[in-house]
Structure formats: C-alpha cells, structure tokens
Protein backbone atom coordinates (compact mmCIF):
# COMPACT_ATOMS: atom_id res chain seq x y z
CA UNK A 1 14.55 -18.48 2.48
CA UNK A 2 12.30 -17.70 -0.47
CA UNK A 3 14.00 -14.37 -1.14
CA UNK A 4 17.43 -15.95 -1.59
CA UNK A 5 15.98 -18.52 -3.99
CA UNK A 6 14.25 -15.80 -6.00
CA UNK A 7 17.37 -13.63 -6.24
CA UNK A 8 19.49 -16.49 -7.50
CA UNK A 9 16.80 -17.54 -9.96
CA UNK A 10 16.36 -13.97 -11.24
CA UNK A 11 20.07 -13.82 -12.03
CA UNK A 12 20.07 -17.30 -13.58
CA UNK A 13 17.04 -16.53 -15.74
CA UNK A 14 18.44 -13.19 -16.94
CA UNK A 15 15.71 -11.09 -15.35
CA UNK A 16 18.54 -8.93 -14.04
CA UNK A 17 22.08 -8.52 -15.35
CA UNK A 18 24.45 -6.14 -17.16
CA UNK A 19 21.83 -4.99 -19.68
CA UNK A 20 18.90 -5.09 -17.24
CA UNK A 21 20.52 -3.82 -14.07
CA UNK A 22 17.44 -3.45 -11.88
CA UNK A 23 14.33 -5.52 -11.25
CA UNK A 24 11.64 -5.69 -8.56
CA UNK A 25 10.43 -8.97 -7.07
CA UNK A 26 7.22 -9.74 -5.16
CA UNK A 27 6.76 -12.85 -3.03
CA UNK A 28 3.28 -14.10 -3.97
CA UNK A 29 3.11 -16.65 -1.17
CA UNK A 30 4.08 -13.99 1.36
CA UNK A 31 1.33 -11.67 0.16
CA UNK A 32 -1.24 -14.44 0.40
CA UNK A 33 -0.05 -15.27 3.90
CA UNK A 34 -0.39 -11.66 5.05
CA UNK A 35 -3.91 -11.39 3.63
CA UNK A 36 -4.93 -14.59 5.40
CA UNK A 37 -3.42 -13.44 8.69
CA UNK A 38 -5.33 -10.16 8.47
CA UNK A 39 -8.65 -11.87 7.89
CA UNK A 40 -8.02 -14.45 10.62
CA UNK A 41 -7.01 -11.79 13.17
CA UNK A 42 -10.24 -9.82 12.89
CA UNK A 43 -12.42 -12.91 12.57
CA UNK A 44 -11.01 -14.09 15.89
CA UNK A 45 -12.17 -11.00 17.81
CA UNK A 46 -15.39 -10.08 15.99
CA UNK A 47 -18.75 -11.57 16.93
CA UNK A 48 -19.82 -14.40 14.61
CA UNK A 49 -21.55 -13.06 11.54
CA UNK A 50 -20.01 -9.59 11.74
CA UNK A 51 -19.50 -8.27 8.20
CA UNK A 52 -15.86 -7.25 7.77
CA UNK A 53 -14.45 -5.76 4.57
CA UNK A 54 -10.67 -5.54 4.35
CA UNK A 55 -10.16 -2.91 1.64
CA UNK A 56 -6.54 -2.77 0.48
CA UNK A 57 -5.17 0.78 0.23
CA UNK A 58 -4.44 0.86 -3.51
CA UNK A 59 -1.96 3.70 -3.12
CA UNK A 60 0.44 1.27 -1.44
CA UNK A 61 0.85 -0.81 -4.61
CA UNK A 62 -1.16 0.45 -7.60
CA UNK A 63 -0.47 -2.60 -9.77
CA UNK A 64 -3.41 -4.44 -11.32
CA UNK A 65 -2.02 -7.99 -10.90
CA UNK A 66 -1.36 -7.28 -7.22
CA UNK A 67 -4.92 -6.04 -6.76
CA UNK A 68 -6.22 -9.15 -8.51
CA UNK A 69 -4.12 -11.36 -6.23
CA UNK A 70 -5.55 -9.60 -3.17
CA UNK A 71 -9.06 -9.90 -4.55
CA UNK A 72 -8.53 -13.65 -4.86
CA UNK A 73 -7.30 -13.60 -1.25
CA UNK A 74 -10.64 -12.10 -0.15
CA UNK A 75 -9.79 -8.38 -0.01
CA UNK A 76 -11.44 -5.33 -1.53
CA UNK A 77 -9.98 -1.94 -2.40
CA UNK A 78 -9.75 1.52 -0.88
CA UNK A 79 -9.21 4.08 -3.63
CA UNK A 80 -8.42 7.77 -3.51
CA UNK A 81 -8.55 8.89 -7.14
CA UNK A 82 -10.16 8.12 -10.48
CA UNK A 83 -6.94 6.37 -11.48
CA UNK A 84 -6.96 4.07 -8.48
CA UNK A 85 -10.62 3.28 -9.06
CA UNK A 86 -9.84 2.37 -12.67
CA UNK A 87 -7.05 0.04 -11.50
CA UNK A 88 -9.37 -1.57 -8.98
CA UNK A 89 -12.04 -2.16 -11.59
CA UNK A 90 -9.46 -3.55 -14.04
CA UNK A 91 -8.51 -6.06 -11.34
CA UNK A 92 -12.14 -7.16 -11.09
CA UNK A 93 -12.79 -5.88 -7.58
CA UNK A 94 -16.57 -5.49 -7.13
CA UNK A 95 -18.00 -2.07 -6.44
CA UNK A 96 -19.52 -3.43 -3.23
CA UNK A 97 -15.99 -4.17 -1.99
CA UNK A 98 -14.64 -0.73 -2.88
CA UNK A 99 -14.36 2.41 -0.74
CA UNK A 100 -13.68 5.89 -2.11
CA UNK A 101 -11.62 8.19 0.11
CA UNK A 102 -9.67 11.37 -0.73
CA UNK A 103 -9.81 14.90 0.63
CA UNK A 104 -10.32 16.32 -2.87
CA UNK A 105 -13.02 14.29 -4.63
CA UNK A 106 -14.40 15.96 -7.75
CA UNK A 107 -18.10 16.13 -8.58
CA UNK A 108 -17.49 13.59 -11.33
CA UNK A 109 -15.78 11.15 -8.96
CA UNK A 110 -18.65 11.39 -6.49
CA UNK A 111 -21.22 10.95 -9.25
CA UNK A 112 -19.42 7.88 -10.58
CA UNK A 113 -19.11 6.34 -7.14
CA UNK A 114 -22.80 6.70 -6.40
CA UNK A 115 -23.76 5.35 -9.80
CA UNK A 116 -21.53 2.28 -9.36
CA UNK A 117 -22.54 1.61 -5.77
CA UNK A 118 -19.14 2.42 -4.25
CA UNK A 119 -18.96 3.48 -0.60
CA UNK A 120 -17.94 7.10 -0.03
CA UNK A 121 -16.43 8.72 3.04
CA UNK A 122 -17.06 12.47 2.82
CA UNK A 123 -14.08 14.45 4.04
CA UNK A 124 -15.68 17.78 4.92
CA UNK A 125 -18.85 19.87 5.00
CA UNK A 126 -18.47 21.16 1.44
CA UNK A 127 -18.15 17.64 0.08
CA UNK A 128 -21.19 16.58 2.08
CA UNK A 129 -23.13 19.42 0.42
CA UNK A 130 -22.18 17.95 -2.96
CA UNK A 131 -23.46 14.56 -1.82
CA UNK A 132 -26.69 16.21 -0.68
CA UNK A 133 -27.27 17.50 -4.20
CA UNK A 134 -26.39 14.19 -5.86
CA UNK A 135 -28.58 12.17 -3.52
CA UNK A 136 -31.50 14.58 -3.96
CA UNK A 137 -31.14 14.50 -7.74
CA UNK A 138 -31.11 10.72 -7.95
CA UNK A 139 -34.41 10.02 -6.19
CA UNK A 140 -36.40 10.37 -2.99
CA UNK A 141 -34.87 7.44 -1.11
CA UNK A 142 -36.65 5.25 1.42
CA UNK A 143 -36.40 7.69 4.28
CA UNK A 144 -33.93 5.56 6.23
CA UNK A 145 -30.99 4.05 4.42
CA UNK A 146 -31.62 6.02 1.25
CA UNK A 147 -30.94 3.00 -0.96
CA UNK A 148 -33.07 4.28 -3.85
CA UNK A 149 -31.51 7.71 -3.68
CA UNK A 150 -28.04 6.19 -3.89
CA UNK A 151 -28.70 3.92 -6.85
CA UNK A 152 -26.91 0.73 -5.83
CA UNK A 153 -27.16 1.70 -2.17
CA UNK A 154 -23.51 1.79 -1.11
CA UNK A 155 -22.76 3.14 2.38
CA UNK A 156 -22.13 6.86 2.70
CA UNK A 157 -20.44 8.42 5.71
CA UNK A 158 -18.22 11.15 7.07
CA UNK A 159 -14.54 10.98 7.93
CA UNK A 160 -13.68 12.43 11.32
CA UNK A 161 -10.34 13.35 12.82
CA UNK A 162 -10.21 12.56 16.56
CA UNK A 163 -7.15 14.82 16.90
CA UNK A 164 -5.35 12.41 19.22
CA UNK A 165 -1.86 13.44 18.08
CA UNK A 166 0.83 12.22 15.74
CA UNK A 167 3.62 9.69 15.59
CA UNK A 168 7.32 9.94 14.84
CA UNK A 169 6.79 10.86 11.16
CA UNK A 170 4.91 14.15 11.00
CA UNK A 171 4.17 13.94 7.28
CA UNK A 172 2.22 10.70 7.77
CA UNK A 173 0.37 11.56 10.98
CA UNK A 174 -3.28 11.88 9.99
CA UNK A 175 -4.89 12.59 13.38
CA UNK A 176 -3.03 15.69 14.52
CA UNK A 177 -4.74 18.88 15.62
CA UNK A 178 -4.21 20.48 12.21
CA UNK A 179 -4.42 17.47 9.89
CA UNK A 180 -5.93 18.12 6.46
CA UNK A 181 -8.08 14.97 6.74
CA UNK A 182 -11.65 14.74 7.96
CA UNK A 183 -13.75 16.84 10.33
CA UNK A 184 -11.66 17.91 13.33
CA UNK A 185 -13.76 16.67 16.24
CA UNK A 186 -12.17 18.84 18.94
CA UNK A 187 -12.59 22.10 17.04
CA UNK A 188 -15.31 24.32 18.47
CA UNK A 189 -18.73 23.19 17.33
CA UNK A 190 -17.41 20.40 15.08
CA UNK A 191 -18.70 17.44 17.03
CA UNK A 192 -22.17 18.94 17.30
CA UNK A 193 -22.12 19.62 13.56
CA UNK A 194 -21.27 15.97 12.81
CA UNK A 195 -24.09 14.70 15.04
CA UNK A 196 -26.54 17.09 13.42
CA UNK A 197 -25.35 16.12 9.93
CA UNK A 198 -26.24 12.51 10.59
CA UNK A 199 -29.57 13.24 12.20
CA UNK A 200 -30.56 15.38 9.21
CA UNK A 201 -29.46 12.72 6.71
CA UNK A 202 -30.85 9.25 7.46
CA UNK A 203 -28.87 7.94 4.47
CA UNK A 204 -25.56 8.52 6.27
CA UNK A 205 -24.88 5.08 7.74
CA UNK A 206 -21.12 4.84 8.08
CA UNK A 207 -18.51 6.64 10.19
CA UNK A 208 -14.85 6.71 9.21
CA UNK A 209 -11.54 7.57 10.81
CA UNK A 210 -7.92 6.82 10.05
CA UNK A 211 -5.58 7.40 12.98
CA UNK A 212 -2.73 5.05 12.14
CA UNK A 213 0.33 5.16 9.93
CA UNK A 214 4.02 4.37 10.02
CA UNK A 215 5.51 5.73 13.23
CA UNK A 216 2.20 5.89 15.14
CA UNK A 217 2.01 3.77 18.34
CA UNK A 218 -0.77 1.19 18.47
CA UNK A 219 -2.15 2.64 21.71
CA UNK A 220 -2.56 6.02 20.03
CA UNK A 221 -4.37 4.44 17.09
CA UNK A 222 -6.67 2.68 19.55
CA UNK A 223 -7.46 6.00 21.24
CA UNK A 224 -8.57 7.43 17.92
CA UNK A 225 -10.81 4.46 17.23
CA UNK A 226 -12.29 4.62 20.72
CA UNK A 227 -13.22 8.27 20.18
CA UNK A 228 -14.83 7.41 16.85
CA UNK A 229 -16.79 4.52 18.35
CA UNK A 230 -18.07 6.80 21.12
CA UNK A 231 -19.24 9.27 18.49
CA UNK A 232 -21.12 6.52 16.63
CA UNK A 233 -22.81 5.49 19.87
CA UNK A 234 -23.83 9.10 20.55
CA UNK A 235 -25.30 9.54 17.07
CA UNK A 236 -27.25 6.30 17.27
CA UNK A 237 -28.57 7.20 20.71
CA UNK A 238 -29.70 10.61 19.45
CA UNK A 239 -31.30 9.01 16.39
CA UNK A 240 -33.10 6.46 18.51
CA UNK A 241 -32.02 3.67 16.15
CA UNK A 242 -28.95 1.99 14.67
CA UNK A 243 -28.40 4.64 11.99
CA UNK A 244 -24.64 4.09 11.84
CA UNK A 245 -24.32 0.40 11.11
CA UNK A 246 -20.68 0.24 10.00
CA UNK A 247 -17.42 1.87 11.05
CA UNK A 248 -14.43 2.23 8.75
CA UNK A 249 -11.42 2.09 11.07
CA UNK A 250 -8.81 2.79 8.38
CA UNK A 251 -5.42 1.10 8.32
CA UNK A 252 -1.95 2.33 9.13
CA UNK A 253 -0.46 -0.64 10.98
CA UNK A 254 3.27 0.19 11.28
CA UNK A 255 5.88 -2.05 9.65
CA UNK A 256 9.17 -3.24 11.12
CA UNK A 257 11.91 -2.19 8.68
CA UNK A 258 14.81 -3.32 10.87
CA UNK A 259 14.60 -7.12 10.45
CA UNK A 260 12.65 -9.92 8.74
CA UNK A 261 10.32 -10.17 11.74
CA UNK A 262 6.78 -9.06 10.94
CA UNK A 263 5.79 -6.98 13.92
CA UNK A 264 3.43 -5.69 15.14
CA UNK A 265 1.11 -8.42 13.91
CA UNK A 266 -2.52 -8.17 12.89
CA UNK A 267 -3.38 -10.47 15.77
CA UNK A 268 -1.72 -8.15 18.30
CA UNK A 269 -3.50 -5.15 16.80
CA UNK A 270 -6.94 -6.77 16.64
CA UNK A 271 -6.67 -8.02 20.22
CA UNK A 272 -5.63 -4.56 21.42
CA UNK A 273 -8.63 -2.97 19.72
CA UNK A 274 -10.97 -5.62 21.12
CA UNK A 275 -9.64 -4.88 24.59
CA UNK A 276 -9.77 -1.08 24.29
CA UNK A 277 -12.99 -0.80 22.24
CA UNK A 278 -14.98 -4.01 22.87
CA UNK A 279 -18.25 -2.56 21.57
CA UNK A 280 -16.68 -2.25 18.14
CA UNK A 281 -16.63 -6.03 17.83
CA UNK A 282 -19.91 -7.10 19.48
CA UNK A 283 -21.71 -7.53 16.18
CA UNK A 284 -23.68 -4.30 16.08
CA UNK A 285 -21.32 -2.68 13.60
CA UNK A 286 -19.96 -3.88 10.31
CA UNK A 287 -16.24 -3.15 10.00
CA UNK A 288 -14.01 -1.86 7.22
CA UNK A 289 -10.22 -1.76 7.31
CA UNK A 290 -7.84 -0.02 4.90
CA UNK A 291 -4.41 -1.62 5.33
CA UNK A 292 -1.74 -1.19 2.69
CA UNK A 293 1.91 -1.09 3.69
CA UNK A 294 1.59 -3.84 6.29
CA UNK A 295 0.21 -6.27 3.70
CA UNK A 296 2.98 -5.89 1.13
CA UNK A 297 6.10 -4.20 2.45
CA UNK A 298 7.89 -7.31 3.71
CA UNK A 299 7.23 -9.18 0.47
CA UNK A 300 9.01 -6.91 -1.99
CA UNK A 301 12.67 -6.72 -2.98
CA UNK A 302 14.46 -4.46 -5.44
CA UNK A 303 17.51 -6.14 -6.93
CA UNK A 304 20.06 -3.74 -8.39
CA UNK A 305 23.41 -4.48 -10.01
CA UNK A 306 26.54 -2.86 -8.61
CA UNK A 307 27.99 -1.05 -11.60
CA UNK A 308 31.11 0.39 -9.97
CA UNK A 309 32.82 0.64 -6.62
CA UNK A 310 35.07 3.42 -5.42
CA UNK A 311 36.32 5.17 -2.32
CA UNK A 312 35.89 8.80 -1.35
CA UNK A 313 37.52 10.23 1.74
CA UNK A 314 38.48 6.67 2.62
CA UNK A 315 34.88 5.45 2.55
CA UNK A 316 33.90 2.64 0.16
CA UNK A 317 30.96 3.42 -2.10
CA UNK A 318 28.99 0.92 -4.18
CA UNK A 319 27.28 2.65 -7.11
CA UNK A 320 24.11 0.71 -8.01
CA UNK A 321 21.08 1.17 -10.25
CA UNK A 322 18.60 1.63 -7.39
CA UNK A 323 18.19 5.02 -5.81
CA UNK A 324 15.76 7.87 -5.64
CA UNK A 325 13.71 6.58 -8.58
CA UNK A 326 12.45 3.65 -6.48
CA UNK A 327 13.02 4.92 -2.93
CA UNK A 328 12.35 8.65 -2.85
CA UNK A 329 11.27 8.62 0.80
CA UNK A 330 14.45 6.87 1.91
CA UNK A 331 16.72 9.17 -0.10
CA UNK A 332 15.08 12.41 1.01
CA UNK A 333 14.19 11.39 4.58
CA UNK A 334 16.63 8.60 5.53
CA UNK A 335 16.08 8.98 9.28
CA UNK A 336 12.37 8.25 8.92
CA UNK A 337 12.61 5.64 6.18
CA UNK A 338 15.78 3.53 6.57
CA UNK A 339 15.94 0.43 4.41
CA UNK A 340 17.91 -2.77 4.83
CA UNK A 341 20.35 -3.75 2.11
CA UNK A 342 21.46 -7.34 1.51
CA UNK A 343 24.43 -8.14 -0.69
CA UNK A 344 24.52 -10.93 -3.29
CA UNK A 345 27.41 -11.96 -5.51
CA UNK A 346 27.35 -11.98 -9.32
CA UNK A 347 25.72 -15.40 -9.30
CA UNK A 348 22.94 -14.30 -6.96
CA UNK A 349 24.33 -16.01 -3.86
CA UNK A 350 24.41 -14.15 -0.53
CA UNK A 351 27.63 -12.10 -0.31
CA UNK A 352 29.77 -13.26 2.59
CA UNK A 353 32.90 -11.94 4.26
CA UNK A 354 33.90 -9.44 6.90
CA UNK A 355 31.59 -6.50 7.32
CA UNK A 356 32.89 -3.20 6.00
CA UNK A 357 31.28 0.20 6.58
CA UNK A 358 30.25 1.52 3.17
CA UNK A 359 27.71 3.64 1.33
CA UNK A 360 25.26 2.20 -1.17
CA UNK A 361 24.52 4.81 -3.82
CA UNK A 362 21.98 5.15 -6.59
CA UNK A 363 22.37 6.30 -10.20
CA UNK A 364 20.77 9.75 -9.99
CA UNK A 365 22.83 12.87 -10.56
CA UNK A 366 22.75 14.43 -7.13
CA UNK A 367 24.98 13.78 -4.14
CA UNK A 368 22.24 12.67 -1.77
CA UNK A 369 21.08 9.73 -3.88
CA UNK A 370 22.07 7.16 -1.28
CA UNK A 371 20.08 4.16 -0.10
CA UNK A 372 22.42 3.48 2.81
CA UNK A 373 25.09 5.52 4.57
CA UNK A 374 27.82 4.09 6.77
CA UNK A 375 26.26 0.64 6.45
CA UNK A 376 28.28 -2.30 7.85
CA UNK A 377 27.91 -5.27 5.50
CA UNK A 378 30.15 -7.55 3.40
CA UNK A 379 31.99 -5.38 0.88
CA UNK A 380 30.11 -5.11 -2.39
CA UNK A 381 32.05 -5.59 -5.63
CA UNK A 382 31.36 -4.66 -9.26
CA UNK A 383 28.88 -7.13 -10.73
CA UNK A 384 27.36 -7.93 -7.33
CA UNK A 385 23.75 -7.16 -6.51
CA UNK A 386 22.34 -4.95 -3.78
CA UNK A 387 18.93 -6.20 -2.65
CA UNK A 388 16.78 -3.42 -1.21
CA UNK A 389 14.48 -5.17 1.23
CA UNK A 390 10.96 -4.46 2.50
CA UNK A 391 10.06 -2.49 -0.63
CA UNK A 392 6.79 -4.20 -1.54
CA UNK A 393 4.72 -1.09 -0.77
CA UNK A 394 5.26 2.57 -1.70
CA UNK A 395 8.65 1.96 -3.33
CA UNK A 396 9.11 0.53 -6.84
CA UNK A 397 5.38 0.86 -7.49
CA UNK A 398 5.78 4.65 -7.12
CA UNK A 399 8.40 5.49 -9.71
CA UNK A 400 10.08 8.89 -9.53
CA UNK A 401 11.39 9.77 -12.99
CA UNK A 402 14.53 11.65 -11.92
CA UNK A 403 17.05 11.74 -14.80
CA UNK A 404 14.38 10.00 -16.88
CA UNK A 405 15.42 6.72 -15.31
CA UNK A 406 13.09 3.96 -16.54
CA UNK A 407 10.56 2.15 -14.40
CA UNK A 408 11.96 -1.29 -13.54
CA UNK A 409 10.16 -4.48 -14.42
CA UNK A 410 8.19 -6.06 -11.60
CA UNK A 411 7.85 -9.85 -11.31
CA UNK A 412 5.90 -11.95 -8.87
CA UNK A 413 7.59 -15.16 -7.84
CA UNK A 414 6.70 -18.48 -6.27
CA UNK A 415 9.14 -20.97 -4.83
CA UNK A 416 7.85 -24.50 -5.32
CA UNK A 417 9.59 -27.50 -3.79
CA UNK A 418 7.32 -29.79 -5.78
CA UNK A 419 8.96 -28.77 -9.02
CA UNK A 420 12.35 -29.71 -7.63
CA UNK A 421 11.09 -33.11 -6.55
CA UNK A 422 9.65 -33.80 -10.00
CA UNK A 423 12.55 -32.35 -11.90
CA UNK A 424 12.18 -29.68 -14.59
CA UNK A 425 14.18 -28.57 -17.57
CA UNK A 426 13.79 -24.83 -17.15
CA UNK A 427 10.77 -24.74 -19.44
CA UNK A 428 7.87 -22.36 -19.15
CA UNK A 429 5.40 -23.05 -16.37
CA UNK A 430 1.68 -22.28 -16.13
CA UNK A 431 0.60 -19.02 -17.86
CA UNK A 432 4.02 -18.64 -19.43
CA UNK A 433 5.78 -18.18 -16.11
CA UNK A 434 9.50 -18.85 -16.27
CA UNK A 435 10.82 -21.72 -14.17
CA UNK A 436 14.35 -21.85 -12.80
CA UNK A 437 15.25 -25.46 -11.98
CA UNK A 438 16.94 -25.86 -8.61
CA UNK A 439 17.32 -22.12 -8.40
CA UNK A 440 18.47 -21.99 -4.79
CA UNK A 441 20.83 -24.93 -5.08
CA UNK A 442 18.67 -26.99 -2.71
CA UNK A 443 16.03 -28.48 -4.98
CA UNK A 444 13.63 -25.54 -4.94
CA UNK A 445 12.25 -24.16 -8.17
CA UNK A 446 11.24 -20.58 -8.73
CA UNK A 447 8.52 -19.44 -11.09
CA UNK A 448 8.18 -15.83 -12.22
CA UNK A 449 5.17 -13.97 -13.63
CA UNK A 450 5.19 -10.46 -15.10
CA UNK A 451 3.45 -7.84 -12.98
CA UNK A 452 4.67 -4.81 -14.94
CA UNK A 453 7.15 -4.79 -17.85
CA UNK A 454 10.17 -2.51 -17.72
CA UNK A 455 9.67 0.91 -19.24
CA UNK A 456 11.40 1.35 -22.59
CA UNK A 457 13.29 4.42 -23.79
CA UNK A 458 10.65 4.82 -26.52
CA UNK A 459 7.97 4.98 -23.84
CA UNK A 460 9.98 7.58 -21.92
CA UNK A 461 10.16 9.77 -25.04
CA UNK A 462 6.45 9.30 -25.77
CA UNK A 463 5.45 10.16 -22.19
CA UNK A 464 7.69 13.24 -22.33
CA UNK A 465 5.90 14.83 -25.27
CA UNK A 466 7.89 13.22 -28.06
CA UNK A 467 4.96 13.43 -30.47
CA UNK A 468 4.79 17.20 -29.88
CA UNK A 469 8.49 18.04 -30.20
CA UNK A 470 7.93 21.19 -32.28
CA UNK A 471 4.81 22.45 -30.51
CA UNK A 472 6.56 25.30 -28.68
CA UNK A 473 8.49 26.61 -31.69
CA UNK A 474 5.80 26.26 -34.35
CA UNK A 475 2.55 25.94 -32.46
CA UNK A 476 2.41 29.40 -30.81
C-alpha cells in the first residue's frame, strides 16, 4: 500500500527521526482520485450541460499547495474568512470558482467579494441589508440578474436552514432547530420572509443550504436538500421566471474512520440525491458543492516517533510526539472522533507481533493527551513510529499550540513504480522532490514535496511577541 511505502521512505530519507520526531504526509494520488470520483459521481446523475462547481471547503485543509492541487484537479474553493480567501487566491483559484460563506462576514469582506466577482451566500437578514447597500452603491443593475450592480456579476444568494435535525455529533450539526447558520425556515414567518426577499431583489439568483456533516445520516441530508429545492421552486413560481438558477447544496459527506474503506462514496450520495430530489439534476439548476473532509481525510497520515514506553497501573503506554497539537478533536472528544493508529518499527516497517492493549499518548502536559485508549495493537517500543491515520483534513493543518509545540512539516508524496523499474540513485526528482529508491522494499520509489515546512523555535518566539518582550514593563 502507498502509505506503507511512504512511511518507510520518510524514515529512510530522514524526514522523521530522533531530531524530527513528527511529520505529516499527504497522498497526492489519493487526493487526485477523490477529486475525480467526486466530479464523476455528479456528472453521472446531472443532465448533460449542467454547470457544476465543486468548491473545496478550505477550512478542511488551509494549505496553499493542497488548494493548488485541487484546482488542477478541477475544483474551486469555498472560503469563510479573509484568510481563507487569501489562501485560495494564492493558490490561483479563480474568483468565478470561489464561494464566500461565513455567519460573520464583515463589510470589508463583502465589499471585496463583490469587487472580485466572488459568489456570496448571505447568512441572515442583517447581512442581506449590507448587500442591499453595496449593490445599490455600485450601480443600477440590469433589473434581473443585477450583473452591473455586482461588478463582475457573481451569484448572490441566501443560506437557509431547513431545520431537519442533527446527527450524532451535536457540535457539527448545522441544520438543527437552533443552529447559528442561515435563516431558520420553520421559524414563524421565516419562509415567507425568504420568498419576499427574493421577489424584492431580482439580483438574488442562488439558494444555499448545508445540512450534512460528520455523523449526519445521508437520508437526513437529502431531506434538507429536498426542502431547499422545494423552496427554490416556490420562489421561481412566485417570480414567474427562473430567478434562482443555481443551488449550493453544501458538503458534509461523512467519513469512515474505522477502516481503509472509503464509505459512503460520492456515487452513493449523488445517486441518493438524484432519487430523492430528481428536479435538482434535470438541468434547470446549476449546482455547487462544498466538500472538504471527504476529499482529504483518508489521504493524510501523521507519523510520530515513540520517545518512551512505560506502564501505569499495569497498562502499557507509548509516549509519542503526536497529541493534542495535531488532533485536538480526538483528544477532547474521543468518543466522537476516534482515530486509527498503525505501528511501524524504527526502520519504518509495519510493526508485527501479538496485539497488546495499550494507550498511545501525546507530548502535551495534561493527563488527557491521548490519541488512543485501551487500543489492541502490536506493542510499540521506543524508536518505533505511531502512524495516526485518516488525518488529511482538520488535523495537522489545524495546529493547536499547546505547550508551544511546533507545527510539524507537511509533505506530499507520490509512489512511482516507474522509478523502480528504471532504477534511481536517491537523487532529487522533479522540482527538487526527494526520491527514495526502492522505499517499500518492492521496487517502488517514493517522491516527496514540501507542503509546509516545520515551524522553528525562532518562529515560535516571534509569533509569541518576542520582538515586544519589554512592552508591558516599559511601554505602559
């Protein structure tokens, strides 16, 4: 498997070791495969010629090289802050392929989006009032789509909450009765207000909802999309024309964290939606999706060195360099966010032997910094490596600076059988990527490319106010 080859190569190349005890790895081929599967799944159920924008949820992996890779794979970007928009632009993602969400957009963010031609989904009535002022100030519009009034003419719409209920993880359930997101459709008078808002603003041409997330059943997501589609149909009927011409259905496809199997699949999801909401795919509406976790999670691995092993109360504990700083959700909510751990020996080969129940601990100075509790797996030893699987989204990309632990380096990797067939000498590959010859012991070669360098101690000091050390004793 590609992961095993990459782990062994990372050890052989010195990307991880005693002085660099943690590194993150991204499977580039896996990411490309997921992007292709997403596009193929929706193309298979949508009417020919239906415009479909798959906008990657940047929050899932805010790393510029990852966004550039996804752009090359045919995806756009869904951003929810000025920072995420800057990352998207740095990756070269066109404004026309970018969507701005967020329940707290500032006037400046809205102004920038309209000036650049970025689609905006207004979250609430007060935000819509801000858009009213910006649209009015920028020109009279054409009376229908409002292209002149919006500068580059990007779609503008409203986010609605169909209030269909939540999943197993309350903190991620976006379509509950009291969710902070969107206009709550079942609240008294809310649906009528949304319809009226569209009829009074011909330049509102998109409708948005986001019902899915980890822990939410697919059938429940489909219910939310059905309710949103019905609302679009009602608005268009009242308008007497196809005012809403695109629907942003959000993302939130759950990920299987219990095995290597990628399930549910995009094909299963797209077919379910086509069955439950066929009108969504008949060609009358352009479609936007906002997937994040499901595109990247299975393709990321954190590799952390086992520094020490011990026993406490008779239980073996492996103390590693991966913990809350790269997996805050798992550490603080282990029942909702369990992660698989795979053991590798000091040479990067899969650890074998009888399974032993043990804890896998992180380096942070609090007792709960555990990535796995009571986990049955081959006993880890000092100098081994614990591979934290399925961490390609929302994990190492979202560093938590507890104990001022540094951000780990992130590398993309590619396993290329062709290099093994030709023979290499471990030299640099294209674009300076390192090549490990025969890294998996079976003729495969692994190339690495830097996604994000490791954070240095000097950078930690600088980011912690090092240049202003005396400001509180001499500056006041």
